[in-house]
Amino acid sequence: MKIIFITDNNKKIKAEKLMLIMIWIPFLLFFSSTVLALESIRLNDVISANGSGDIDLFTPFGSKHTLNGDILEQFRQNNDGELVFAIDINEAADGSEKSSSQGVSIASAELIIIIDGIEYRYNQFTTRTHSMLAIKGSTQRSLYPTLLGDSGSNRITPNSDSGLYGSSFDSTLNFPLAQDISQASSARLVIHFLDTNGKLGDPEAFYDFSNGYEDIAIITEEDAHYLNQLAPGMEGAPLVLPEATSATANGGTVYYPSQSGYYIAAYEDLFPARGDYDFNDLVVGYRVAAGLDTDGNVLTLSGEGYLIARGAGYNHDWHLRIALPSSASGVGELRVFMPGEVNTADGYPLTINSIGDIDLIAFPQTRWLWVDAAYEEVNTLGEQSLLKGHRFSFSITFDTPIALASIDNAPFDPYLYVHDSGFEIHLEGKNPVLSHSRNIEEGQTDFTDSNNYPFAQIFPETWQVPIERTDLGEAYPDFIHFILSGRNQYTQWYNTPDNARVKPITPSHWKW
């Protein structure tokens, strides 16, 4: 077609312009509709409550969309050679799982695509996060991919035709595909969640599957980018190892129990006698972080913690011990800060020269370190005003990076040395370590009594401290049932206190 451009303003120009517009409108509408057609699509099949899903990629949820090989190929090209799925994490709020942070781990995932009668299987995939987890029946932890989320609704697209419109989809699952799949006659995603050993507590209890059902959508690059930047649930999740550490200059950080959370360690210090069993003789909140290099090995260990309550007449040292390979060595600092202040206590910082295991006396001489002028105890009496506690922090840089898997399993070994009795008090399953304590000499190496009652326990940070001289079983009535059931029932006993028998010390008070 010949196009004549004339500069003077006459009817011929107007007629030719109108003709050009009418010719190009159908093409513009076609290309515009083609671009707008690709929107994230929720799929009809789900991952069931048993942690398994067989998802037909050609069956969308509802009737607004059509899915076939050609459309899957459009998704693949849009995501630079990958099919990307969004998963709506929908897990029960057990243990440290809550509405703001929930997770599952993946045992296996596979795309099965049939093209011209030939079946292609793709089992290489990536997720944004990983964790070190033990499967059910084992205590040995290995690296597994994880999916994180929350219960919020993330409106990540303004297009109401999108499967993610007004949805609560959370984590992304990516499958790289090197071939054109436009001629696919069938496509399925088969996925199985990991059955973790929840009896170990976190992180296994967090990354188990217990509720379901999890919805799935196939998504565009734009929506995938949004979800990855949003990272719902990541901040509160335990033991998060970022993906693809070898692809970045900084390998990232692994947090124990999470980027914002703390373990709560509580003790009964009259070991080996049960005493009043109020489990408030010392209460400490702590967390640890491992800094990784580009190969995922540990370059640094750091951590911090707070004194929360001290209901003891006895005097203690509170230790944080982390078992490491005997070849591990490094240098660092330990600091203890006065309550609510940026100034360190007298004598700090202390230099740490570490060889092998780390064993820090994070809070020494607690009876004399932290004092309420009006009472013998601190933060354990019903009528007592709350006092902020001391804070400790430490950091160690290793001479040579060490493998992440070679570090002792979290929550590590937080323990007391009781000056008045000469005994160490560890978590169940740990061993005495101090040469000057009475434990080994007197055969007191088991930190439960004859009725299976422990003397040291780890709780989530929302746990409330029993009021002074209130038995733990009175403050938490389900605790007795938990012990009597052989610890198989009432496993969330610490979430149901008798509010009249506990001291409400919220994390917002002791974190400063």
Protein backbone atom coordinates (compact mmCIF):
# COMPACT_ATOMS: atom_id res chain seq x y z
CA MET A 1 0.00 0.00 0.00
CA LYS A 2 1.30 3.37 -0.99
CA ILE A 3 1.23 6.04 1.73
CA ILE A 4 1.49 9.65 0.74
CA PHE A 5 2.48 12.21 3.37
CA ILE A 6 1.29 15.72 2.51
CA THR A 7 2.10 18.64 4.77
CA ASP A 8 -0.74 21.02 3.93
CA ASN A 9 -3.95 20.63 5.91
CA ASN A 10 -6.65 19.54 3.49
CA LYS A 11 -9.33 16.91 3.08
CA LYS A 12 -6.96 14.45 1.37
CA ILE A 13 -4.78 14.28 4.51
CA LYS A 14 -7.80 13.73 6.73
CA ALA A 15 -9.16 10.96 4.50
CA GLU A 16 -5.83 9.14 4.34
CA LYS A 17 -5.32 9.44 8.10
CA LEU A 18 -8.76 7.99 8.70
CA MET A 19 -8.02 5.13 6.31
CA LEU A 20 -4.74 4.35 8.12
CA ILE A 21 -6.44 4.35 11.50
CA MET A 22 -9.17 2.00 10.30
CA ILE A 23 -6.58 -0.37 8.80
CA TRP A 24 -4.43 -0.53 11.97
CA ILE A 25 -7.18 -0.74 14.59
CA PRO A 26 -7.78 -4.53 14.14
CA PHE A 27 -4.03 -5.22 14.43
CA LEU A 28 -3.70 -3.05 17.53
CA LEU A 29 -6.68 -4.74 19.14
CA PHE A 30 -5.28 -8.20 18.34
CA PHE A 31 -1.84 -7.52 19.84
CA SER A 32 -3.34 -5.74 22.82
CA SER A 33 -5.66 -8.66 23.58
CA THR A 34 -2.78 -11.10 23.19
CA VAL A 35 -0.68 -9.26 25.78
CA LEU A 36 -3.55 -8.92 28.25
CA ALA A 37 -4.65 -12.55 27.86
CA LEU A 38 -1.85 -14.02 29.99
CA GLU A 39 -2.95 -13.77 33.59
CA SER A 40 -2.16 -16.00 36.56
CA ILE A 41 -4.64 -18.87 36.74
CA ARG A 42 -5.72 -20.78 39.83
CA LEU A 43 -5.87 -24.55 39.24
CA ASN A 44 -8.75 -26.79 40.20
CA ASP A 45 -6.79 -29.57 41.93
CA VAL A 46 -5.24 -29.03 45.37
CA ILE A 47 -2.63 -30.55 47.65
CA SER A 48 -4.70 -32.61 50.08
CA ALA A 49 -4.48 -32.82 53.87
CA ASN A 50 -2.24 -35.89 53.58
CA GLY A 51 0.44 -33.73 51.99
CA SER A 52 0.13 -35.02 48.42
CA GLY A 53 -1.23 -33.56 45.22
CA ASP A 54 -1.69 -34.71 41.61
CA ILE A 55 -2.47 -31.45 39.84
CA ASP A 56 -3.88 -31.38 36.29
CA LEU A 57 -2.37 -28.30 34.65
CA PHE A 58 -5.06 -28.27 31.98
CA THR A 59 -7.93 -27.87 34.48
CA PRO A 60 -8.36 -24.33 35.82
CA PHE A 61 -10.53 -23.45 38.78
CA GLY A 62 -13.90 -22.20 37.49
CA SER A 63 -14.80 -21.52 33.90
CA LYS A 64 -13.17 -18.15 33.14
CA HIS A 65 -9.96 -19.61 31.70
CA THR A 66 -8.74 -22.24 29.29
CA LEU A 67 -5.49 -24.14 29.74
CA ASN A 68 -3.63 -26.17 27.10
CA GLY A 69 -0.13 -26.71 25.81
CA ASP A 70 -0.04 -23.44 23.92
CA ILE A 71 -0.98 -21.41 27.00
CA LEU A 72 1.51 -23.30 29.17
CA GLU A 73 4.17 -22.40 26.62
CA GLN A 74 3.17 -18.74 26.94
CA PHE A 75 3.69 -19.01 30.72
CA ARG A 76 7.07 -20.71 30.15
CA GLN A 77 8.26 -17.94 27.84
CA ASN A 78 6.88 -15.24 30.12
CA ASN A 79 8.96 -16.65 33.00
CA ASP A 80 12.17 -16.94 30.96
CA GLY A 81 12.00 -20.69 30.37
CA GLU A 82 10.31 -21.76 33.59
CA LEU A 83 6.86 -22.78 34.73
CA VAL A 84 6.21 -21.00 38.01
CA PHE A 85 3.54 -21.98 40.51
CA ALA A 86 2.19 -20.12 43.52
CA ILE A 87 1.01 -22.13 46.52
CA ASP A 88 -1.39 -20.95 49.18
CA ILE A 89 0.05 -22.21 52.48
CA ASN A 90 -2.83 -23.23 54.73
CA GLU A 91 -1.43 -24.90 57.83
CA ALA A 92 -2.75 -25.24 61.36
CA ALA A 93 -1.44 -22.78 63.95
CA ASP A 94 0.40 -25.40 66.04
CA GLY A 95 3.53 -24.67 68.07
CA SER A 96 5.38 -21.78 66.49
CA GLU A 97 3.12 -21.77 63.41
CA LYS A 98 0.72 -18.86 63.51
CA SER A 99 -1.39 -16.78 61.16
CA SER A 100 1.56 -14.53 60.30
CA SER A 101 4.02 -17.36 59.57
CA GLN A 102 3.35 -20.94 58.42
CA GLY A 103 5.32 -23.41 56.36
CA VAL A 104 5.74 -26.81 54.77
CA SER A 105 8.70 -28.66 53.27
CA ILE A 106 8.85 -30.60 50.01
CA ALA A 107 9.93 -34.23 49.79
CA SER A 108 9.48 -34.41 46.01
CA ALA A 109 7.89 -32.56 43.10
CA GLU A 110 7.69 -33.54 39.44
CA LEU A 111 6.20 -32.18 36.24
CA ILE A 112 4.89 -34.88 33.87
CA ILE A 113 4.25 -33.61 30.34
CA ILE A 114 3.16 -35.69 27.32
CA ILE A 115 4.07 -34.43 23.84
CA ASP A 116 3.37 -36.52 20.72
CA GLY A 117 2.85 -39.61 22.86
CA ILE A 118 6.21 -39.21 24.64
CA GLU A 119 6.23 -38.65 28.40
CA TYR A 120 8.72 -36.08 29.73
CA ARG A 121 9.42 -35.89 33.46
CA TYR A 122 11.01 -32.87 35.13
CA ASN A 123 12.01 -33.26 38.76
CA GLN A 124 14.45 -30.36 39.04
CA PHE A 125 12.81 -27.43 40.80
CA THR A 126 13.64 -24.50 43.05
CA THR A 127 11.98 -22.74 45.97
CA ARG A 128 12.92 -19.46 47.58
CA THR A 129 13.83 -21.04 50.92
CA HIS A 130 15.25 -24.22 52.44
CA SER A 131 15.72 -25.64 55.92
CA MET A 132 17.64 -28.39 57.71
CA LEU A 133 15.02 -30.98 58.70
CA ALA A 134 14.72 -34.52 60.02
CA ILE A 135 12.12 -36.85 58.53
CA LYS A 136 9.68 -38.75 60.72
CA GLY A 137 11.46 -41.47 62.71
CA SER A 138 14.91 -39.87 62.34
CA THR A 139 16.93 -37.23 64.17
CA GLN A 140 19.42 -36.68 61.34
CA ARG A 141 18.78 -33.40 59.56
CA SER A 142 19.25 -32.78 55.86
CA LEU A 143 18.55 -29.86 53.55
CA TYR A 144 15.01 -29.67 52.11
CA PRO A 145 13.18 -27.02 50.07
CA THR A 146 10.45 -25.17 51.97
CA LEU A 147 7.39 -23.06 51.22
CA LEU A 148 6.40 -20.22 53.54
CA GLY A 149 3.29 -18.11 53.87
CA ASP A 150 0.76 -16.39 56.06
CA SER A 151 -3.00 -16.16 56.39
CA GLY A 152 -3.21 -12.71 54.85
CA SER A 153 -4.92 -11.86 51.57
CA ASN A 154 -2.45 -10.50 49.03
CA ARG A 155 -4.19 -8.64 46.24
CA ILE A 156 -1.28 -8.78 43.85
CA THR A 157 -3.06 -7.97 40.60
CA PRO A 158 -5.82 -5.50 39.74
CA ASN A 159 -7.23 -7.84 37.08
CA SER A 160 -10.26 -9.70 38.42
CA ASP A 161 -9.75 -12.41 35.79
CA SER A 162 -6.45 -13.40 37.40
CA GLY A 163 -6.36 -16.47 39.62
CA LEU A 164 -4.43 -14.41 42.16
CA TYR A 165 -6.93 -11.58 42.36
CA GLY A 166 -7.68 -10.96 46.03
CA SER A 167 -6.04 -14.26 46.94
CA SER A 168 -3.73 -15.42 49.73
CA PHE A 169 -1.16 -17.22 47.56
CA ASP A 170 2.26 -17.20 49.20
CA SER A 171 5.34 -19.11 47.98
CA THR A 172 6.62 -19.84 44.50
CA LEU A 173 7.77 -23.15 43.03
CA ASN A 174 9.84 -22.97 39.82
CA PHE A 175 10.47 -25.67 37.21
CA PRO A 176 13.05 -24.84 34.50
CA LEU A 177 12.00 -26.31 31.13
CA ALA A 178 14.37 -26.26 28.17
CA GLN A 179 11.87 -27.36 25.52
CA ASP A 180 8.82 -25.92 23.80
CA ILE A 181 5.69 -27.43 25.38
CA SER A 182 3.08 -25.82 23.13
CA GLN A 183 2.15 -29.25 21.65
CA ALA A 184 1.62 -30.89 25.05
CA SER A 185 -1.49 -33.05 25.22
CA SER A 186 -1.28 -33.55 28.99
CA ALA A 187 0.54 -31.86 31.86
CA ARG A 188 0.53 -32.71 35.59
CA LEU A 189 2.32 -31.58 38.71
CA VAL A 190 2.84 -34.34 41.29
CA ILE A 191 4.00 -33.08 44.67
CA HIS A 192 4.58 -34.62 48.11
CA PHE A 193 5.27 -32.69 51.31
CA LEU A 194 7.91 -33.94 53.74
CA ASP A 195 6.69 -35.89 56.77
CA THR A 196 8.92 -34.29 59.40
CA ASN A 197 9.80 -35.55 62.86
CA GLY A 198 7.59 -33.10 64.75
CA LYS A 199 8.58 -34.63 68.10
CA LEU A 200 11.87 -32.75 67.81
CA GLY A 201 10.06 -29.44 68.05
CA ASP A 202 11.11 -26.66 65.72
CA PRO A 203 12.02 -26.46 62.95
CA GLU A 204 10.39 -29.85 62.23
CA ALA A 205 7.14 -28.99 64.03
CA PHE A 206 6.87 -25.78 62.02
CA TYR A 207 7.46 -27.36 58.59
CA ASP A 208 5.12 -30.33 59.03
CA PHE A 209 1.84 -30.54 57.12
CA SER A 210 -1.22 -30.80 59.30
CA ASN A 211 -4.13 -28.90 57.89
CA GLY A 212 -4.33 -28.36 54.12
CA TYR A 213 -5.74 -28.03 51.62
CA GLU A 214 -3.17 -26.01 49.66
CA ASP A 215 -4.38 -24.29 46.50
CA ILE A 216 -2.07 -23.91 43.47
CA ALA A 217 -1.94 -21.37 40.65
CA ILE A 218 0.24 -21.11 37.57
CA ILE A 219 1.51 -17.55 37.52
CA THR A 220 3.09 -14.83 35.41
CA GLU A 221 6.53 -13.34 35.89
CA GLU A 222 4.99 -10.16 37.29
CA ASP A 223 3.05 -11.99 39.99
CA ALA A 224 6.01 -14.27 40.78
CA HIS A 225 8.25 -11.25 41.27
CA TYR A 226 5.70 -9.65 43.57
CA LEU A 227 5.34 -12.74 45.76
CA ASN A 228 9.09 -13.25 45.95
CA GLN A 229 9.59 -9.65 47.07
CA LEU A 230 6.70 -9.86 49.54
CA ALA A 231 8.05 -13.09 51.08
CA PRO A 232 5.01 -13.67 53.34
CA GLY A 233 5.74 -15.66 56.50
CA MET A 234 9.53 -15.56 56.15
CA GLU A 235 10.26 -13.29 59.09
CA GLY A 236 8.65 -15.57 61.65
CA ALA A 237 9.79 -18.92 60.24
CA PRO A 238 12.50 -20.98 61.99
CA LEU A 239 15.79 -22.00 60.40
CA VAL A 240 15.36 -20.26 57.05
CA LEU A 241 18.11 -20.90 54.51
CA PRO A 242 17.73 -18.73 51.39
CA GLU A 243 17.81 -20.33 47.96
CA ALA A 244 20.72 -20.38 45.52
CA THR A 245 23.37 -19.11 47.88
CA SER A 246 26.08 -19.86 45.33
CA ALA A 247 24.57 -17.28 42.97
CA THR A 248 25.09 -14.33 45.29
CA ALA A 249 28.08 -12.52 46.69
CA ASN A 250 26.66 -12.98 50.20
CA GLY A 251 25.40 -16.44 51.04
CA GLY A 252 22.74 -15.08 53.40
CA THR A 253 21.90 -15.79 57.00
CA VAL A 254 20.23 -18.72 58.76
CA TYR A 255 18.24 -17.72 61.84
CA TYR A 256 17.49 -19.93 64.85
CA PRO A 257 14.56 -20.03 65.51
CA SER A 258 13.69 -17.23 63.03
CA GLN A 259 14.64 -13.76 61.89
CA SER A 260 12.45 -12.15 64.55
CA GLY A 261 11.67 -14.99 66.99
CA TYR A 262 13.37 -16.26 70.16
CA TYR A 263 13.62 -19.53 72.04
CA ILE A 264 12.49 -19.33 75.65
CA ALA A 265 14.58 -21.47 78.03
CA ALA A 266 13.15 -22.07 81.53
CA TYR A 267 14.55 -24.06 84.46
CA GLU A 268 13.79 -25.68 87.80
CA ASP A 269 17.07 -25.21 89.71
CA LEU A 270 16.62 -27.60 92.67
CA PHE A 271 17.81 -30.49 90.47
CA PRO A 272 17.88 -33.44 91.13
CA ALA A 273 14.94 -32.71 93.49
CA ARG A 274 11.73 -31.38 91.93
CA GLY A 275 11.30 -28.64 94.53
CA ASP A 276 8.32 -26.33 93.97
CA TYR A 277 8.55 -27.04 90.22
CA ASP A 278 7.41 -23.54 89.31
CA PHE A 279 9.84 -23.47 86.37
CA ASN A 280 10.65 -19.81 86.80
CA ASP A 281 14.00 -20.02 88.58
CA LEU A 282 15.56 -18.56 85.45
CA VAL A 283 13.83 -17.68 82.19
CA VAL A 284 15.90 -16.52 79.20
CA GLY A 285 15.00 -15.60 75.63
CA TYR A 286 17.71 -16.16 73.00
CA ARG A 287 18.36 -16.60 69.30
CA VAL A 288 21.33 -17.43 67.05
CA ALA A 289 22.25 -16.54 63.46
CA ALA A 290 24.72 -18.24 61.10
CA GLY A 291 26.26 -16.08 58.37
CA LEU A 292 26.96 -18.09 55.20
CA ASP A 293 29.46 -17.77 52.39
CA THR A 294 28.57 -18.27 48.73
CA ASP A 295 28.86 -22.07 49.09
CA GLY A 296 26.44 -22.20 51.99
CA ASN A 297 29.13 -22.80 54.62
CA VAL A 298 29.19 -20.94 57.93
CA LEU A 299 31.51 -17.95 58.17
CA THR A 300 30.11 -16.42 61.35
CA LEU A 301 27.94 -17.26 64.34
CA SER A 302 26.19 -14.54 66.29
CA GLY A 303 23.35 -14.28 68.73
CA GLU A 304 21.63 -12.34 71.45
CA GLY A 305 19.29 -12.89 74.36
CA TYR A 306 17.48 -11.36 77.32
CA LEU A 307 16.83 -12.13 80.96
CA ILE A 308 13.04 -12.45 81.32
CA ALA A 309 12.48 -13.67 84.89
CA ARG A 310 14.46 -14.89 87.92
CA GLY A 311 12.48 -16.60 90.64
CA ALA A 312 15.40 -18.29 92.38
CA GLY A 313 17.14 -17.86 95.69
CA TYR A 314 20.03 -19.79 94.14
CA ASN A 315 22.77 -18.19 92.08
CA HIS A 316 23.44 -19.39 88.50
CA ASP A 317 25.57 -19.00 85.43
CA TRP A 318 23.53 -19.23 82.24
CA HIS A 319 25.50 -20.88 79.43
CA LEU A 320 24.85 -21.06 75.72
CA ARG A 321 26.76 -23.99 74.26
CA ILE A 322 26.91 -24.80 70.53
CA ALA A 323 28.64 -28.04 69.54
CA LEU A 324 30.99 -27.62 66.56
CA PRO A 325 33.61 -29.74 64.79
CA SER A 326 36.85 -30.00 66.78
CA SER A 327 38.65 -28.27 63.89
CA ALA A 328 36.49 -25.14 64.11
CA SER A 329 38.34 -22.06 65.33
CA GLY A 330 37.64 -18.37 65.38
CA VAL A 331 37.71 -15.09 67.26
CA GLY A 332 34.87 -12.90 68.49
CA GLU A 333 33.35 -10.84 71.28
CA LEU A 334 30.78 -11.30 74.04
CA ARG A 335 28.89 -8.31 75.40
CA VAL A 336 26.41 -7.94 78.26
CA PHE A 337 24.31 -4.76 78.35
CA MET A 338 22.63 -3.11 81.29
CA PRO A 339 18.80 -3.29 81.15
CA GLY A 340 17.41 -0.93 78.54
CA GLU A 341 20.78 0.68 77.86
CA VAL A 342 23.36 0.80 75.09
CA ASN A 343 26.17 0.68 77.65
CA THR A 344 27.83 -2.63 78.44
CA ALA A 345 28.16 -3.94 81.98
CA ASP A 346 31.50 -3.59 83.74
CA GLY A 347 34.16 -5.88 82.31
CA TYR A 348 32.67 -6.14 78.81
CA PRO A 349 33.25 -6.76 75.97
CA LEU A 350 35.10 -10.03 76.45
CA THR A 351 37.25 -11.55 73.71
CA ILE A 352 36.23 -15.03 72.54
CA ASN A 353 39.01 -17.32 71.33
CA SER A 354 37.07 -20.31 70.10
CA ILE A 355 38.42 -23.79 69.38
CA GLY A 356 35.91 -26.60 68.85
CA ASP A 357 32.64 -26.19 70.75
CA ILE A 358 31.42 -22.75 71.78
CA ASP A 359 30.44 -22.48 75.46
CA LEU A 360 29.58 -18.92 76.50
CA ILE A 361 28.65 -17.80 80.00
CA ALA A 362 26.19 -15.29 78.62
CA PHE A 363 24.69 -14.30 82.00
CA PRO A 364 27.04 -14.93 84.96
CA GLN A 365 26.07 -14.83 88.64
CA THR A 366 22.43 -14.11 87.88
CA ARG A 367 21.38 -13.54 91.52
CA TRP A 368 23.80 -10.65 91.78
CA LEU A 369 23.63 -9.50 88.17
CA TRP A 370 19.86 -8.78 88.12
CA VAL A 371 18.23 -7.44 91.29
CA ASP A 372 14.85 -5.98 92.22
CA ALA A 373 15.46 -3.67 95.18
CA ALA A 374 12.06 -4.51 96.70
CA TYR A 375 12.00 -8.30 96.26
CA GLU A 376 14.28 -11.31 96.25
CA GLU A 377 12.79 -12.48 92.94
CA VAL A 378 12.47 -10.60 89.66
CA ASN A 379 9.28 -10.69 87.53
CA THR A 380 7.73 -13.78 89.16
CA LEU A 381 5.45 -12.38 91.88
CA GLY A 382 1.86 -11.51 91.07
CA GLU A 383 2.00 -8.03 92.62
CA GLN A 384 5.47 -7.22 91.29
CA SER A 385 6.10 -4.54 88.68
CA LEU A 386 8.03 -5.78 85.69
CA LEU A 387 11.70 -4.94 85.27
CA LYS A 388 13.62 -5.11 82.01
CA GLY A 389 16.44 -7.63 82.03
CA HIS A 390 20.02 -7.56 80.82
CA ARG A 391 20.81 -8.34 77.20
CA PHE A 392 23.77 -10.30 75.84
CA SER A 393 25.15 -10.47 72.33
CA PHE A 394 28.02 -12.36 70.76
CA SER A 395 29.67 -12.78 67.38
CA ILE A 396 32.39 -15.14 66.19
CA THR A 397 34.17 -15.19 62.82
CA PHE A 398 35.68 -18.55 61.92
CA ASP A 399 39.18 -18.90 60.53
CA THR A 400 37.87 -21.41 57.98
CA PRO A 401 34.23 -21.83 56.91
CA ILE A 402 32.49 -24.86 58.41
CA ALA A 403 29.63 -26.92 56.99
CA LEU A 404 26.19 -25.84 58.17
CA ALA A 405 25.19 -29.46 58.79
CA SER A 406 28.13 -29.92 61.19
CA ILE A 407 26.67 -27.45 63.72
CA ASP A 408 24.70 -28.88 66.64
CA ASN A 409 20.96 -29.00 66.10
CA ALA A 410 18.98 -26.03 67.41
CA PRO A 411 17.99 -25.06 70.07
CA PHE A 412 21.58 -26.07 70.92
CA ASP A 413 22.53 -26.53 74.59
CA PRO A 414 21.38 -23.68 76.86
CA TYR A 415 22.14 -24.76 80.41
CA LEU A 416 22.53 -23.60 84.00
CA TYR A 417 25.38 -24.07 86.38
CA VAL A 418 23.96 -23.68 89.90
CA HIS A 419 26.65 -22.33 92.23
CA ASP A 420 24.76 -23.27 95.41
CA SER A 421 24.35 -26.96 94.54
CA GLY A 422 27.24 -27.50 92.14
CA PHE A 423 24.98 -29.14 89.50
CA GLU A 424 24.54 -28.43 85.81
CA ILE A 425 20.98 -28.45 84.44
CA HIS A 426 20.60 -29.20 80.72
CA LEU A 427 17.78 -29.95 78.33
CA GLU A 428 16.63 -33.53 78.18
CA GLY A 429 19.03 -35.64 76.10
CA LYS A 430 22.06 -33.42 76.69
CA ASN A 431 25.09 -34.38 78.77
CA PRO A 432 27.05 -32.62 81.53
CA VAL A 433 30.12 -30.79 80.21
CA LEU A 434 31.78 -29.00 83.15
CA SER A 435 34.66 -30.77 84.88
CA HIS A 436 33.97 -28.98 88.19
CA SER A 437 30.25 -29.86 88.45
CA ARG A 438 28.86 -32.69 90.63
CA ASN A 439 26.83 -34.37 87.89
CA ILE A 440 29.23 -37.01 86.61
CA GLU A 441 30.72 -37.78 90.04
CA GLU A 442 27.26 -38.39 91.52
CA GLY A 443 25.71 -40.01 88.44
CA GLN A 444 23.25 -37.18 87.82
CA THR A 445 23.50 -37.17 84.04
CA ASP A 446 19.81 -37.60 83.17
CA PHE A 447 17.88 -34.34 83.27
CA THR A 448 14.47 -35.87 83.90
CA ASP A 449 13.31 -37.42 87.17
CA SER A 450 11.95 -40.93 87.71
CA ASN A 451 8.48 -39.80 86.61
CA ASN A 452 9.77 -38.32 83.33
CA TYR A 453 9.51 -34.68 84.48
CA PRO A 454 12.19 -32.43 82.93
CA PHE A 455 14.22 -29.74 84.69
CA ALA A 456 14.86 -27.56 81.64
CA GLN A 457 12.55 -26.87 78.70
CA ILE A 458 12.30 -24.76 75.54
CA PHE A 459 9.11 -22.85 74.79
CA PRO A 460 7.85 -20.46 72.10
CA GLU A 461 8.31 -16.81 72.99
CA THR A 462 4.62 -16.35 73.82
CA TRP A 463 4.91 -18.73 76.80
CA GLN A 464 3.89 -17.17 80.11
CA VAL A 465 5.93 -17.59 83.30
CA PRO A 466 4.24 -19.37 86.26
CA ILE A 467 3.79 -17.16 89.33
CA GLU A 468 6.23 -17.83 92.16
CA ARG A 469 5.75 -21.20 93.93
CA THR A 470 3.04 -22.27 91.45
CA ASP A 471 3.63 -25.79 90.15
CA LEU A 472 3.94 -25.94 86.35
CA GLY A 473 1.05 -28.43 86.30
CA GLU A 474 -1.17 -25.89 88.08
CA ALA A 475 -0.19 -23.03 85.79
CA TYR A 476 -0.66 -25.27 82.73
CA PRO A 477 -3.22 -28.00 83.60
CA ASP A 478 -2.63 -29.93 80.35
CA PHE A 479 1.03 -30.44 81.28
CA ILE A 480 0.14 -33.30 83.65
CA HIS A 481 -1.83 -35.04 80.89
CA PHE A 482 1.12 -34.55 78.54
CA ILE A 483 3.51 -36.31 80.94
CA LEU A 484 1.06 -39.09 81.86
CA SER A 485 0.41 -39.84 78.17
CA GLY A 486 4.10 -40.51 77.63
CA ARG A 487 4.29 -37.09 75.91
CA ASN A 488 2.11 -38.30 73.05
CA GLN A 489 -1.01 -36.27 73.83
CA TYR A 490 -1.63 -32.65 74.79
CA THR A 491 1.58 -31.77 72.98
CA GLN A 492 0.56 -28.10 72.81
CA TRP A 493 -0.02 -27.89 76.56
CA TYR A 494 2.06 -24.73 76.85
CA ASN A 495 -0.51 -22.79 74.82
CA THR A 496 -3.29 -23.15 77.42
CA PRO A 497 -2.29 -21.51 80.72
CA ASP A 498 -4.48 -20.83 83.73
CA ASN A 499 -4.25 -17.06 83.37
CA ALA A 500 -4.67 -16.51 87.11
CA ARG A 501 -1.48 -18.50 87.77
CA VAL A 502 0.94 -17.00 85.27
CA LYS A 503 2.78 -13.70 85.04
CA PRO A 504 1.94 -11.91 81.76
CA ILE A 505 5.39 -10.94 80.47
CA THR A 506 4.94 -10.27 76.78
CA PRO A 507 7.81 -10.20 74.25
CA SER A 508 7.18 -6.48 73.79
CA HIS A 509 8.32 -6.00 77.38
CA TRP A 510 11.49 -8.06 77.49
CA LYS A 511 12.73 -7.31 73.96
CA TRP A 512 14.35 -3.91 73.97
